[in-house]
């Protein structure tokens, strides 16, 4: 693996990532997103997943926490930010470090 990056999401919003050299995988629903993630997990080190797909796939995505790669990151989609991606990042940081270094909430 040499640092390949991909994005899985719905709509035209992900096509802009092609300009940055990111492989794009458009999907319409969680079922197809799960299939694509299984297929590309061994080939890509970083996989972006739009929030509207990441939330319903939360349990499935936990399997990627056990290995160093791929890193699956939730990002906002064309529909806007729901806060799910930031919450997932916060939880991952707390799991890894044992403290909240990003948000400093008590």
C-alpha atoms as a PDB file:
ATOM      1  CA  UNK A   1       0.000   0.000   0.000  1.00  0.00           C
ATOM      2  CA  UNK A   2       1.383   3.393  -0.936  1.00  0.00           C
ATOM      3  CA  UNK A   3      -0.993   5.911   0.585  1.00  0.00           C
ATOM      4  CA  UNK A   4      -3.982   5.500  -1.678  1.00  0.00           C
ATOM      5  CA  UNK A   5      -7.074   7.501  -0.730  1.00  0.00           C
ATOM      6  CA  UNK A   6     -10.725   6.922  -1.610  1.00  0.00           C
ATOM      7  CA  UNK A   7     -14.120   8.423  -0.877  1.00  0.00           C
ATOM      8  CA  UNK A   8     -17.422   6.566  -0.656  1.00  0.00           C
ATOM      9  CA  UNK A   9     -20.573   8.666  -0.761  1.00  0.00           C
ATOM     10  CA  UNK A  10     -23.750   9.601  -2.493  1.00  0.00           C
ATOM     11  CA  UNK A  11     -24.412  12.377  -4.933  1.00  0.00           C
ATOM     12  CA  UNK A  12     -22.257  14.561  -7.098  1.00  0.00           C
ATOM     13  CA  UNK A  13     -20.464  16.050  -4.103  1.00  0.00           C
ATOM     14  CA  UNK A  14     -17.807  13.382  -4.095  1.00  0.00           C
ATOM     15  CA  UNK A  15     -16.750  13.977  -7.707  1.00  0.00           C
ATOM     16  CA  UNK A  16     -14.789  17.086  -6.692  1.00  0.00           C
ATOM     17  CA  UNK A  17     -12.376  14.751  -4.893  1.00  0.00           C
ATOM     18  CA  UNK A  18     -11.290  13.305  -8.252  1.00  0.00           C
ATOM     19  CA  UNK A  19      -9.433  16.540  -8.973  1.00  0.00           C
ATOM     20  CA  UNK A  20      -7.261  15.860  -5.918  1.00  0.00           C
ATOM     21  CA  UNK A  21      -6.453  12.325  -7.070  1.00  0.00           C
ATOM     22  CA  UNK A  22      -8.873  10.594  -4.721  1.00  0.00           C
ATOM     23  CA  UNK A  23     -10.632   7.489  -6.036  1.00  0.00           C
ATOM     24  CA  UNK A  24     -14.397   8.019  -5.906  1.00  0.00           C
ATOM     25  CA  UNK A  25     -17.010   5.353  -5.268  1.00  0.00           C
ATOM     26  CA  UNK A  26     -20.540   6.732  -5.638  1.00  0.00           C
ATOM     27  CA  UNK A  27     -23.242   4.743  -3.836  1.00  0.00           C
ATOM     28  CA  UNK A  28     -26.950   5.239  -3.224  1.00  0.00           C
ATOM     29  CA  UNK A  29     -27.426   3.458   0.102  1.00  0.00           C
ATOM     30  CA  UNK A  30     -25.759   1.865   3.124  1.00  0.00           C
ATOM     31  CA  UNK A  31     -25.936  -1.643   1.673  1.00  0.00           C
ATOM     32  CA  UNK A  32     -23.893  -0.673  -1.374  1.00  0.00           C
ATOM     33  CA  UNK A  33     -21.505   1.384   0.779  1.00  0.00           C
ATOM     34  CA  UNK A  34     -20.843  -1.686   2.949  1.00  0.00           C
ATOM     35  CA  UNK A  35     -20.103  -3.768  -0.161  1.00  0.00           C
ATOM     36  CA  UNK A  36     -17.707  -1.159  -1.537  1.00  0.00           C
ATOM     37  CA  UNK A  37     -15.932  -0.754   1.807  1.00  0.00           C
ATOM     38  CA  UNK A  38     -15.346  -4.494   2.030  1.00  0.00           C
ATOM     39  CA  UNK A  39     -13.984  -4.502  -1.510  1.00  0.00           C
ATOM     40  CA  UNK A  40     -11.591  -1.537  -1.200  1.00  0.00           C
ATOM     41  CA  UNK A  41     -10.429  -1.926   2.428  1.00  0.00           C
ATOM     42  CA  UNK A  42      -7.247  -3.796   1.502  1.00  0.00           C
ATOM     43  CA  UNK A  43      -6.300  -1.431  -1.308  1.00  0.00           C
ATOM     44  CA  UNK A  44      -6.706   2.030   0.284  1.00  0.00           C
ATOM     45  CA  UNK A  45      -5.057   3.456   3.401  1.00  0.00           C
ATOM     46  CA  UNK A  46      -7.504   6.310   3.917  1.00  0.00           C
ATOM     47  CA  UNK A  47     -11.196   6.075   3.081  1.00  0.00           C
ATOM     48  CA  UNK A  48     -13.537   9.020   3.494  1.00  0.00           C
ATOM     49  CA  UNK A  49     -17.177   8.138   4.030  1.00  0.00           C
ATOM     50  CA  UNK A  50     -19.954  10.712   3.950  1.00  0.00           C
ATOM     51  CA  UNK A  51     -21.838  11.207   7.228  1.00  0.00           C
ATOM     52  CA  UNK A  52     -25.241  10.083   5.960  1.00  0.00           C
ATOM     53  CA  UNK A  53     -23.692   6.659   5.229  1.00  0.00           C
ATOM     54  CA  UNK A  54     -21.317   6.493   8.193  1.00  0.00           C
ATOM     55  CA  UNK A  55     -24.011   6.882  10.842  1.00  0.00           C
ATOM     56  CA  UNK A  56     -26.060   3.795   9.859  1.00  0.00           C
ATOM     57  CA  UNK A  57     -22.840   1.812   9.309  1.00  0.00           C
ATOM     58  CA  UNK A  58     -21.350   2.658  12.724  1.00  0.00           C
ATOM     59  CA  UNK A  59     -21.345  -0.943  13.979  1.00  0.00           C
ATOM     60  CA  UNK A  60     -19.876  -2.251  10.715  1.00  0.00           C
ATOM     61  CA  UNK A  61     -17.141   0.427  10.788  1.00  0.00           C
ATOM     62  CA  UNK A  62     -15.893  -0.735  14.206  1.00  0.00           C
ATOM     63  CA  UNK A  63     -14.075  -3.605  12.486  1.00  0.00           C
ATOM     64  CA  UNK A  64     -11.673  -1.083  10.977  1.00  0.00           C
ATOM     65  CA  UNK A  65     -10.680   0.194  14.438  1.00  0.00           C
ATOM     66  CA  UNK A  66      -8.702  -2.983  15.104  1.00  0.00           C
ATOM     67  CA  UNK A  67      -6.208  -2.527  12.273  1.00  0.00           C
ATOM     68  CA  UNK A  68      -3.923   0.392  11.389  1.00  0.00           C
ATOM     69  CA  UNK A  69      -5.301   0.570   7.838  1.00  0.00           C
ATOM     70  CA  UNK A  70      -7.582   1.592   6.358  1.00  0.00           C
ATOM     71  CA  UNK A  71      -8.405   4.681   8.352  1.00  0.00           C
ATOM     72  CA  UNK A  72     -12.093   5.378   7.705  1.00  0.00           C
ATOM     73  CA  UNK A  73     -13.054   9.011   8.288  1.00  0.00           C
ATOM     74  CA  UNK A  74     -16.555  10.410   8.238  1.00  0.00           C
ATOM     75  CA  UNK A  75     -16.949  13.730   6.423  1.00  0.00           C
ATOM     76  CA  UNK A  76     -19.905  16.044   5.761  1.00  0.00           C
ATOM     77  CA  UNK A  77     -21.783  15.545   2.521  1.00  0.00           C
ATOM     78  CA  UNK A  78     -23.572  17.915   0.187  1.00  0.00           C
ATOM     79  CA  UNK A  79     -26.517  17.863   2.587  1.00  0.00           C
ATOM     80  CA  UNK A  80     -24.391  19.587   5.239  1.00  0.00           C
ATOM     81  CA  UNK A  81     -22.771  18.585   8.475  1.00  0.00           C
ATOM     82  CA  UNK A  82     -24.677  16.581  11.067  1.00  0.00           C
ATOM     83  CA  UNK A  83     -21.885  16.546  13.646  1.00  0.00           C
ATOM     84  CA  UNK A  84     -21.508  12.776  13.403  1.00  0.00           C
ATOM     85  CA  UNK A  85     -18.007  12.936  11.909  1.00  0.00           C
ATOM     86  CA  UNK A  86     -16.705  15.245  14.619  1.00  0.00           C
ATOM     87  CA  UNK A  87     -18.243  13.072  17.337  1.00  0.00           C
ATOM     88  CA  UNK A  88     -16.640   9.947  15.826  1.00  0.00           C
ATOM     89  CA  UNK A  89     -13.248  11.706  15.707  1.00  0.00           C
ATOM     90  CA  UNK A  90     -13.601  12.806  19.325  1.00  0.00           C
ATOM     91  CA  UNK A  91     -14.455   9.262  20.440  1.00  0.00           C
ATOM     92  CA  UNK A  92     -11.520   7.786  18.495  1.00  0.00           C
ATOM     93  CA  UNK A  93      -9.097  10.283  20.032  1.00  0.00           C
ATOM     94  CA  UNK A  94     -10.374   9.524  23.522  1.00  0.00           C
ATOM     95  CA  UNK A  95     -10.037   5.770  22.896  1.00  0.00           C
ATOM     96  CA  UNK A  96      -6.499   6.159  21.576  1.00  0.00           C
ATOM     97  CA  UNK A  97      -5.188   8.664  24.112  1.00  0.00           C
ATOM     98  CA  UNK A  98      -7.475   8.233  27.098  1.00  0.00           C
ATOM     99  CA  UNK A  99      -8.265  11.968  27.213  1.00  0.00           C
ATOM    100  CA  UNK A 100     -10.120  14.563  25.189  1.00  0.00           C
ATOM    101  CA  UNK A 101      -7.380  16.717  23.647  1.00  0.00           C
ATOM    102  CA  UNK A 102      -9.532  18.247  20.905  1.00  0.00           C
ATOM    103  CA  UNK A 103     -12.620  19.569  22.595  1.00  0.00           C
ATOM    104  CA  UNK A 104     -11.667  19.831  26.283  1.00  0.00           C
ATOM    105  CA  UNK A 105     -15.177  19.026  27.494  1.00  0.00           C
ATOM    106  CA  UNK A 106     -15.492  17.809  31.057  1.00  0.00           C
END
